[in-house]
Amino acid sequence: MNDMHEMGIASSILDAVQRELLRYPGYRAAKIEVRIGEFAGVDGESLRFCFDAIVKNSPLAPLELNIEARGGDELDLGSLELEEANA
């Protein structure tokens, strides 16, 4: 199994989350939704494995990844759910 492609995508997702959090001091990311088209060339289970491996030892833990499978070839961020950091 070659997870390098999905590892790069997982890393890019986390970079995007960190950039977004800069706009919301005092909040932490609780859940991120990613939409993956069936022809996007991304293995959802491999992406989840890579994402979880990166997140578990990061300041973003625990961050839940929700993958929404779609038709087409899209790959994009659907939504980011935030909660108060001290909640």
N, C-alpha and C. Protein backbone atom coordinates (compact mmCIF):
# COMPACT_ATOMS: atom_id res chain seq x y z
N MET A 1 0.85 -1.18 0.00
CA MET A 1 0.00 0.00 0.00
C MET A 1 0.89 1.24 0.00
N ASN A 2 0.61 2.17 -0.87
CA ASN A 2 1.38 3.40 -0.96
C ASN A 2 0.55 4.54 -0.41
N ASP A 3 0.89 4.96 0.81
CA ASP A 3 0.14 6.02 1.48
C ASP A 3 0.74 7.40 1.30
N MET A 4 1.80 7.52 0.50
CA MET A 4 2.48 8.82 0.38
C MET A 4 1.54 9.90 -0.16
N HIS A 5 0.72 9.58 -1.13
CA HIS A 5 -0.22 10.54 -1.71
C HIS A 5 -1.21 11.00 -0.64
N GLU A 6 -1.79 10.04 0.08
CA GLU A 6 -2.76 10.36 1.12
C GLU A 6 -2.10 11.06 2.30
N MET A 7 -0.84 10.74 2.60
CA MET A 7 -0.12 11.41 3.68
C MET A 7 0.04 12.89 3.35
N GLY A 8 0.36 13.19 2.10
CA GLY A 8 0.47 14.58 1.67
C GLY A 8 -0.85 15.32 1.75
N ILE A 9 -1.92 14.64 1.38
CA ILE A 9 -3.25 15.25 1.46
C ILE A 9 -3.63 15.49 2.92
N ALA A 10 -3.38 14.52 3.78
CA ALA A 10 -3.68 14.66 5.21
C ALA A 10 -2.91 15.84 5.79
N SER A 11 -1.66 15.96 5.43
CA SER A 11 -0.83 17.06 5.90
C SER A 11 -1.39 18.40 5.41
N SER A 12 -1.82 18.45 4.17
CA SER A 12 -2.40 19.68 3.61
C SER A 12 -3.71 20.05 4.32
N ILE A 13 -4.51 19.06 4.66
CA ILE A 13 -5.75 19.31 5.39
C ILE A 13 -5.43 19.93 6.75
N LEU A 14 -4.47 19.37 7.45
CA LEU A 14 -4.11 19.90 8.76
C LEU A 14 -3.51 21.30 8.67
N ASP A 15 -2.75 21.57 7.62
CA ASP A 15 -2.24 22.93 7.40
C ASP A 15 -3.39 23.91 7.23
N ALA A 16 -4.40 23.51 6.46
CA ALA A 16 -5.57 24.36 6.24
C ALA A 16 -6.32 24.60 7.54
N VAL A 17 -6.45 23.58 8.37
CA VAL A 17 -7.12 23.72 9.67
C VAL A 17 -6.35 24.70 10.53
N GLN A 18 -5.04 24.56 10.58
CA GLN A 18 -4.23 25.47 11.41
C GLN A 18 -4.33 26.91 10.92
N ARG A 19 -4.35 27.12 9.62
CA ARG A 19 -4.52 28.49 9.07
C ARG A 19 -5.88 29.05 9.46
N GLU A 20 -6.90 28.24 9.39
CA GLU A 20 -8.25 28.69 9.74
C GLU A 20 -8.35 29.02 11.22
N LEU A 21 -7.70 28.24 12.06
CA LEU A 21 -7.76 28.49 13.51
C LEU A 21 -7.12 29.82 13.89
N LEU A 22 -6.20 30.31 13.09
CA LEU A 22 -5.60 31.62 13.37
C LEU A 22 -6.65 32.73 13.36
N ARG A 23 -7.74 32.50 12.64
CA ARG A 23 -8.82 33.48 12.55
C ARG A 23 -9.76 33.42 13.75
N TYR A 24 -9.64 32.36 14.57
CA TYR A 24 -10.57 32.15 15.68
C TYR A 24 -9.82 31.84 16.97
N PRO A 25 -9.17 32.86 17.56
CA PRO A 25 -8.44 32.64 18.81
C PRO A 25 -9.40 32.14 19.90
N GLY A 26 -8.92 31.22 20.71
CA GLY A 26 -9.73 30.69 21.79
C GLY A 26 -10.59 29.50 21.39
N TYR A 27 -10.46 29.07 20.13
CA TYR A 27 -11.22 27.92 19.65
C TYR A 27 -10.27 26.82 19.19
N ARG A 28 -10.78 25.61 19.20
CA ARG A 28 -10.04 24.47 18.68
C ARG A 28 -10.91 23.76 17.66
N ALA A 29 -10.25 23.06 16.76
CA ALA A 29 -10.96 22.30 15.74
C ALA A 29 -11.45 21.00 16.34
N ALA A 30 -12.75 20.71 16.15
CA ALA A 30 -13.33 19.48 16.67
C ALA A 30 -13.52 18.44 15.56
N LYS A 31 -13.97 18.92 14.38
CA LYS A 31 -14.25 17.99 13.29
C LYS A 31 -14.03 18.68 11.96
N ILE A 32 -13.44 17.95 11.03
CA ILE A 32 -13.23 18.44 9.67
C ILE A 32 -13.92 17.47 8.71
N GLU A 33 -14.62 18.03 7.75
CA GLU A 33 -15.26 17.20 6.73
C GLU A 33 -14.55 17.40 5.41
N VAL A 34 -14.26 16.28 4.75
CA VAL A 34 -13.60 16.30 3.46
C VAL A 34 -14.50 15.56 2.47
N ARG A 35 -14.68 16.15 1.30
CA ARG A 35 -15.48 15.51 0.25
C ARG A 35 -14.53 14.94 -0.79
N ILE A 36 -14.71 13.64 -1.08
CA ILE A 36 -13.84 12.94 -2.03
C ILE A 36 -14.69 12.32 -3.12
N GLY A 37 -14.44 12.72 -4.35
CA GLY A 37 -15.12 12.12 -5.48
C GLY A 37 -14.55 10.75 -5.79
N GLU A 38 -15.40 9.89 -6.35
CA GLU A 38 -14.95 8.52 -6.63
C GLU A 38 -13.82 8.46 -7.65
N PHE A 39 -13.65 9.52 -8.46
CA PHE A 39 -12.56 9.55 -9.45
C PHE A 39 -11.44 10.50 -9.06
N ALA A 40 -11.36 10.87 -7.78
CA ALA A 40 -10.33 11.80 -7.31
C ALA A 40 -8.97 11.14 -7.15
N GLY A 41 -8.94 9.81 -7.16
CA GLY A 41 -7.66 9.12 -7.00
C GLY A 41 -7.18 9.11 -5.56
N VAL A 42 -8.12 9.19 -4.61
CA VAL A 42 -7.76 9.20 -3.19
C VAL A 42 -8.47 8.03 -2.51
N ASP A 43 -7.71 7.24 -1.78
CA ASP A 43 -8.28 6.14 -1.02
C ASP A 43 -8.71 6.68 0.34
N GLY A 44 -10.01 6.67 0.60
CA GLY A 44 -10.55 7.24 1.83
C GLY A 44 -10.01 6.60 3.10
N GLU A 45 -9.90 5.27 3.10
CA GLU A 45 -9.39 4.59 4.30
C GLU A 45 -7.92 4.90 4.53
N SER A 46 -7.15 4.98 3.46
CA SER A 46 -5.75 5.34 3.59
C SER A 46 -5.60 6.77 4.09
N LEU A 47 -6.45 7.67 3.58
CA LEU A 47 -6.43 9.06 4.03
C LEU A 47 -6.75 9.12 5.52
N ARG A 48 -7.75 8.39 5.96
CA ARG A 48 -8.12 8.38 7.38
C ARG A 48 -6.96 7.87 8.23
N PHE A 49 -6.31 6.79 7.79
CA PHE A 49 -5.17 6.23 8.53
C PHE A 49 -4.06 7.27 8.67
N CYS A 50 -3.71 7.92 7.57
CA CYS A 50 -2.65 8.92 7.58
C CYS A 50 -3.03 10.12 8.44
N PHE A 51 -4.26 10.58 8.30
CA PHE A 51 -4.76 11.71 9.08
C PHE A 51 -4.66 11.40 10.57
N ASP A 52 -5.17 10.24 10.98
CA ASP A 52 -5.14 9.86 12.39
C ASP A 52 -3.71 9.74 12.91
N ALA A 53 -2.81 9.23 12.08
CA ALA A 53 -1.41 9.08 12.49
C ALA A 53 -0.76 10.43 12.74
N ILE A 54 -1.08 11.42 11.92
CA ILE A 54 -0.49 12.75 12.09
C ILE A 54 -1.13 13.48 13.27
N VAL A 55 -2.44 13.40 13.39
CA VAL A 55 -3.18 14.16 14.41
C VAL A 55 -2.89 13.69 15.82
N LYS A 56 -2.73 12.38 16.02
CA LYS A 56 -2.68 11.85 17.39
C LYS A 56 -1.56 12.45 18.24
N ASN A 57 -0.47 12.87 17.65
CA ASN A 57 0.63 13.47 18.40
C ASN A 57 0.79 14.95 18.11
N SER A 58 -0.30 15.60 17.72
CA SER A 58 -0.23 17.01 17.39
C SER A 58 -1.09 17.83 18.34
N PRO A 59 -0.90 19.14 18.35
CA PRO A 59 -1.75 20.01 19.18
C PRO A 59 -3.21 20.00 18.72
N LEU A 60 -3.50 19.47 17.54
CA LEU A 60 -4.87 19.43 17.03
C LEU A 60 -5.67 18.26 17.58
N ALA A 61 -5.02 17.31 18.23
CA ALA A 61 -5.73 16.14 18.77
C ALA A 61 -6.66 16.56 19.89
N PRO A 62 -7.81 15.96 20.04
CA PRO A 62 -8.43 15.01 19.12
C PRO A 62 -9.23 15.74 18.04
N LEU A 63 -8.94 15.49 16.82
CA LEU A 63 -9.65 16.10 15.69
C LEU A 63 -10.25 14.97 14.86
N GLU A 64 -11.56 15.03 14.69
CA GLU A 64 -12.27 13.98 13.97
C GLU A 64 -12.32 14.30 12.49
N LEU A 65 -12.08 13.29 11.67
CA LEU A 65 -12.18 13.43 10.22
C LEU A 65 -13.44 12.73 9.74
N ASN A 66 -14.27 13.47 9.03
CA ASN A 66 -15.45 12.91 8.41
C ASN A 66 -15.24 12.94 6.90
N ILE A 67 -15.34 11.79 6.24
CA ILE A 67 -15.14 11.71 4.80
C ILE A 67 -16.48 11.49 4.14
N GLU A 68 -16.82 12.37 3.22
CA GLU A 68 -18.06 12.24 2.46
C GLU A 68 -17.70 11.81 1.04
N ALA A 69 -18.15 10.62 0.66
CA ALA A 69 -17.89 10.12 -0.69
C ALA A 69 -18.91 10.73 -1.65
N ARG A 70 -18.44 11.13 -2.81
CA ARG A 70 -19.28 11.76 -3.82
C ARG A 70 -18.94 11.20 -5.19
N GLY A 71 -19.78 11.54 -6.14
CA GLY A 71 -19.47 11.23 -7.53
C GLY A 71 -18.51 12.28 -8.06
N GLY A 72 -17.94 12.03 -9.20
CA GLY A 72 -17.04 13.01 -9.82
C GLY A 72 -15.61 12.86 -9.36
N ASP A 73 -14.85 13.93 -9.56
CA ASP A 73 -13.42 13.87 -9.23
C ASP A 73 -13.00 14.95 -8.24
N GLU A 74 -13.94 15.47 -7.47
CA GLU A 74 -13.60 16.54 -6.53
C GLU A 74 -12.87 16.01 -5.30
N LEU A 75 -12.10 16.88 -4.72
CA LEU A 75 -11.46 16.66 -3.43
C LEU A 75 -11.40 18.02 -2.78
N ASP A 76 -12.25 18.25 -1.78
CA ASP A 76 -12.21 19.55 -1.12
C ASP A 76 -12.68 19.46 0.32
N LEU A 77 -12.42 20.52 1.04
CA LEU A 77 -12.85 20.61 2.42
C LEU A 77 -14.31 21.02 2.44
N GLY A 78 -15.11 20.27 3.17
CA GLY A 78 -16.52 20.58 3.26
C GLY A 78 -16.83 21.56 4.37
N SER A 79 -16.38 21.25 5.58
CA SER A 79 -16.66 22.12 6.72
C SER A 79 -15.66 21.85 7.84
N LEU A 80 -15.58 22.82 8.72
CA LEU A 80 -14.73 22.72 9.90
C LEU A 80 -15.58 23.10 11.10
N GLU A 81 -15.69 22.20 12.04
CA GLU A 81 -16.48 22.45 13.25
C GLU A 81 -15.52 22.86 14.37
N LEU A 82 -15.82 24.00 14.99
CA LEU A 82 -14.98 24.51 16.06
C LEU A 82 -15.70 24.43 17.38
N GLU A 83 -14.94 24.40 18.46
CA GLU A 83 -15.51 24.51 19.80
C GLU A 83 -14.55 25.34 20.65
N GLU A 84 -15.06 25.90 21.74
CA GLU A 84 -14.21 26.71 22.60
C GLU A 84 -13.08 25.86 23.14
N ALA A 85 -11.89 26.42 23.16
CA ALA A 85 -10.70 25.66 23.53
C ALA A 85 -10.74 25.18 24.98
N ASN A 86 -11.36 25.94 25.86
CA ASN A 86 -11.38 25.53 27.26
C ASN A 86 -12.69 24.84 27.64
N ALA A 87 -13.44 24.39 26.64
CA ALA A 87 -14.71 23.69 26.92
C ALA A 87 -14.47 22.24 27.26
